Amino acid sequence: MTAQPQEWTVVCPLTRLDPGRGVAALVDGVQIALFRTANDLFAIDNQDPVTEAYVLSRGIVGSRDGVPTVASPLHKQAYDLRTGDCLDRPGVAVRRHEVRCQDGLVEVRLRKEE
């Protein structure tokens, strides 16, 4: 028997996401952090893997060498929003999720543990 793919969950209208800022959302019992940049949408777990605090949605959105990032508000580790990899600590990563905009609504599909 094969596992069923996760369903897309509507989180909010795109207009509720300000470019360059993150927001927290609860999707199927999982706290995620949503980010809207000038060109893209990103979704990662809201839990900072270094401190285990649920704070990444309040992080500083920016870029490093063209890579879209969020810096943890606690210790400032930067995470690649495309992959979830920590740019400051090799081997540390945050789980990323699929995100899309359909008919003006932001939808997220959770990924299983990676």
C-alpha atoms as a PDB file:
ATOM      1  CA  MET A   1       0.000   0.000   0.000  1.00  0.00           C
ATOM      2  CA  THR A   2       1.402   3.414  -0.916  1.00  0.00           C
ATOM      3  CA  ALA A   3       1.062   6.499   1.233  1.00  0.00           C
ATOM      4  CA  GLN A   4      -1.432   9.082   0.098  1.00  0.00           C
ATOM      5  CA  PRO A   5       0.083  12.447  -0.858  1.00  0.00           C
ATOM      6  CA  GLN A   6      -0.601  15.243   1.593  1.00  0.00           C
ATOM      7  CA  GLU A   7      -3.416  17.571   0.631  1.00  0.00           C
ATOM      8  CA  TRP A   8      -3.042  21.283  -0.035  1.00  0.00           C
ATOM      9  CA  THR A   9      -4.374  23.435   2.816  1.00  0.00           C
ATOM     10  CA  VAL A  10      -5.571  26.993   2.253  1.00  0.00           C
ATOM     11  CA  VAL A  11      -3.794  29.250   4.758  1.00  0.00           C
ATOM     12  CA  CYS A  12      -4.733  32.830   3.828  1.00  0.00           C
ATOM     13  CA  PRO A  13      -5.263  35.262   0.955  1.00  0.00           C
ATOM     14  CA  LEU A  14      -2.007  36.337  -0.684  1.00  0.00           C
ATOM     15  CA  THR A  15      -2.851  39.955   0.189  1.00  0.00           C
ATOM     16  CA  ARG A  16      -2.416  39.086   3.911  1.00  0.00           C
ATOM     17  CA  LEU A  17       1.306  38.388   3.377  1.00  0.00           C
ATOM     18  CA  ASP A  18       3.546  41.446   3.309  1.00  0.00           C
ATOM     19  CA  PRO A  19       6.669  41.108   1.146  1.00  0.00           C
ATOM     20  CA  GLY A  20       9.791  40.777   3.268  1.00  0.00           C
ATOM     21  CA  ARG A  21       7.945  39.616   6.404  1.00  0.00           C
ATOM     22  CA  GLY A  22       7.031  36.263   7.845  1.00  0.00           C
ATOM     23  CA  VAL A  23       3.855  34.998   9.488  1.00  0.00           C
ATOM     24  CA  ALA A  24       3.139  31.902  11.532  1.00  0.00           C
ATOM     25  CA  ALA A  25       0.321  29.520  10.656  1.00  0.00           C
ATOM     26  CA  LEU A  26      -0.967  26.241  12.003  1.00  0.00           C
ATOM     27  CA  VAL A  27      -1.391  23.641   9.247  1.00  0.00           C
ATOM     28  CA  ASP A  28      -2.684  20.214  10.281  1.00  0.00           C
ATOM     29  CA  GLY A  29      -1.247  20.710  13.766  1.00  0.00           C
ATOM     30  CA  VAL A  30       2.191  21.849  12.526  1.00  0.00           C
ATOM     31  CA  GLN A  31       3.462  25.387  13.147  1.00  0.00           C
ATOM     32  CA  ILE A  32       4.892  26.755   9.909  1.00  0.00           C
ATOM     33  CA  ALA A  33       6.465  30.051   8.936  1.00  0.00           C
ATOM     34  CA  LEU A  34       5.295  31.597   5.656  1.00  0.00           C
ATOM     35  CA  PHE A  35       7.389  34.156   3.805  1.00  0.00           C
ATOM     36  CA  ARG A  36       6.623  36.293   0.786  1.00  0.00           C
ATOM     37  CA  THR A  37       9.529  37.865  -1.061  1.00  0.00           C
ATOM     38  CA  ALA A  38       9.353  40.123  -4.105  1.00  0.00           C
ATOM     39  CA  ASN A  39       9.295  37.056  -6.371  1.00  0.00           C
ATOM     40  CA  ASP A  40       8.319  33.974  -4.370  1.00  0.00           C
ATOM     41  CA  LEU A  41       6.531  32.291  -1.493  1.00  0.00           C
ATOM     42  CA  PHE A  42       8.267  30.006   0.993  1.00  0.00           C
ATOM     43  CA  ALA A  43       7.092  27.766   3.832  1.00  0.00           C
ATOM     44  CA  ILE A  44       9.303  26.203   6.506  1.00  0.00           C
ATOM     45  CA  ASP A  45       8.750  24.854   9.997  1.00  0.00           C
ATOM     46  CA  ASN A  46       8.431  27.689  12.480  1.00  0.00           C
ATOM     47  CA  GLN A  47      10.669  25.902  15.004  1.00  0.00           C
ATOM     48  CA  ASP A  48      14.284  27.070  15.098  1.00  0.00           C
ATOM     49  CA  PRO A  49      16.326  23.836  15.095  1.00  0.00           C
ATOM     50  CA  VAL A  50      19.134  25.439  17.149  1.00  0.00           C
ATOM     51  CA  THR A  51      17.048  26.726  20.073  1.00  0.00           C
ATOM     52  CA  GLU A  52      13.863  24.664  19.491  1.00  0.00           C
ATOM     53  CA  ALA A  53      11.807  27.846  19.965  1.00  0.00           C
ATOM     54  CA  TYR A  54       8.926  28.544  17.577  1.00  0.00           C
ATOM     55  CA  VAL A  55      10.206  31.891  16.297  1.00  0.00           C
ATOM     56  CA  LEU A  56      11.365  31.675  12.660  1.00  0.00           C
ATOM     57  CA  SER A  57       8.287  33.525  11.384  1.00  0.00           C
ATOM     58  CA  ARG A  58       9.602  36.565  13.286  1.00  0.00           C
ATOM     59  CA  GLY A  59      13.042  36.321  11.703  1.00  0.00           C
ATOM     60  CA  ILE A  60      14.715  38.856   9.436  1.00  0.00           C
ATOM     61  CA  VAL A  61      14.069  38.153   5.762  1.00  0.00           C
ATOM     62  CA  GLY A  62      16.913  38.962   3.400  1.00  0.00           C
ATOM     63  CA  SER A  63      19.379  37.341   1.044  1.00  0.00           C
ATOM     64  CA  ARG A  64      22.951  36.132   1.036  1.00  0.00           C
ATOM     65  CA  ASP A  65      24.754  35.949  -2.317  1.00  0.00           C
ATOM     66  CA  GLY A  66      21.398  35.885  -4.088  1.00  0.00           C
ATOM     67  CA  VAL A  67      19.953  33.178  -1.812  1.00  0.00           C
ATOM     68  CA  PRO A  68      16.663  34.133  -0.094  1.00  0.00           C
ATOM     69  CA  THR A  69      17.106  33.744   3.658  1.00  0.00           C
ATOM     70  CA  VAL A  70      15.540  34.185   7.047  1.00  0.00           C
ATOM     71  CA  ALA A  71      17.719  34.858  10.082  1.00  0.00           C
ATOM     72  CA  SER A  72      16.540  33.442  13.381  1.00  0.00           C
ATOM     73  CA  PRO A  73      15.541  36.270  15.720  1.00  0.00           C
ATOM     74  CA  LEU A  74      17.346  34.548  18.609  1.00  0.00           C
ATOM     75  CA  HIS A  75      20.899  33.777  17.481  1.00  0.00           C
ATOM     76  CA  LYS A  76      20.769  35.098  13.899  1.00  0.00           C
ATOM     77  CA  GLN A  77      21.579  31.842  12.076  1.00  0.00           C
ATOM     78  CA  ALA A  78      20.522  32.268   8.453  1.00  0.00           C
ATOM     79  CA  TYR A  79      18.405  29.625   6.733  1.00  0.00           C
ATOM     80  CA  ASP A  80      18.065  29.198   2.965  1.00  0.00           C
ATOM     81  CA  LEU A  81      14.329  29.594   2.331  1.00  0.00           C
ATOM     82  CA  ARG A  82      14.555  27.373  -0.775  1.00  0.00           C
ATOM     83  CA  THR A  83      16.146  24.353   0.914  1.00  0.00           C
ATOM     84  CA  GLY A  84      15.861  24.909   4.673  1.00  0.00           C
ATOM     85  CA  ASP A  85      19.635  24.503   5.108  1.00  0.00           C
ATOM     86  CA  CYS A  86      21.379  26.622   7.725  1.00  0.00           C
ATOM     87  CA  LEU A  87      24.040  28.744   6.031  1.00  0.00           C
ATOM     88  CA  ASP A  88      25.956  29.252   9.287  1.00  0.00           C
ATOM     89  CA  ARG A  89      25.947  25.732  10.739  1.00  0.00           C
ATOM     90  CA  PRO A  90      26.631  22.825   8.365  1.00  0.00           C
ATOM     91  CA  GLY A  91      24.339  19.871   8.986  1.00  0.00           C
ATOM     92  CA  VAL A  92      21.571  21.972  10.561  1.00  0.00           C
ATOM     93  CA  ALA A  93      18.362  22.474   8.613  1.00  0.00           C
ATOM     94  CA  VAL A  94      14.720  23.317   9.030  1.00  0.00           C
ATOM     95  CA  ARG A  95      12.034  21.314   7.224  1.00  0.00           C
ATOM     96  CA  ARG A  96      10.573  23.085   4.213  1.00  0.00           C
ATOM     97  CA  HIS A  97       7.097  22.663   2.788  1.00  0.00           C
ATOM     98  CA  GLU A  98       5.487  23.141  -0.590  1.00  0.00           C
ATOM     99  CA  VAL A  99       3.634  26.417  -1.035  1.00  0.00           C
ATOM    100  CA  ARG A 100       1.671  27.907  -3.922  1.00  0.00           C
ATOM    101  CA  CYS A 101      -0.840  30.608  -4.732  1.00  0.00           C
ATOM    102  CA  GLN A 102      -4.068  29.489  -6.394  1.00  0.00           C
ATOM    103  CA  ASP A 103      -6.783  32.009  -7.243  1.00  0.00           C
ATOM    104  CA  GLY A 104      -5.293  34.525  -4.807  1.00  0.00           C
ATOM    105  CA  LEU A 105      -5.127  32.041  -1.908  1.00  0.00           C
ATOM    106  CA  VAL A 106      -1.900  30.778  -0.346  1.00  0.00           C
ATOM    107  CA  GLU A 107      -1.892  27.000   0.005  1.00  0.00           C
ATOM    108  CA  VAL A 108       0.608  24.769   1.806  1.00  0.00           C
ATOM    109  CA  ARG A 109       1.287  21.055   1.489  1.00  0.00           C
ATOM    110  CA  LEU A 110       3.249  19.681   4.420  1.00  0.00           C
ATOM    111  CA  ARG A 111       6.266  17.497   3.754  1.00  0.00           C
ATOM    112  CA  LYS A 112       6.947  14.448   5.842  1.00  0.00           C
ATOM    113  CA  GLU A 113      10.157  14.370   7.884  1.00  0.00           C
ATOM    114  CA  GLU A 114      13.143  14.690   5.564  1.00  0.00           C
END
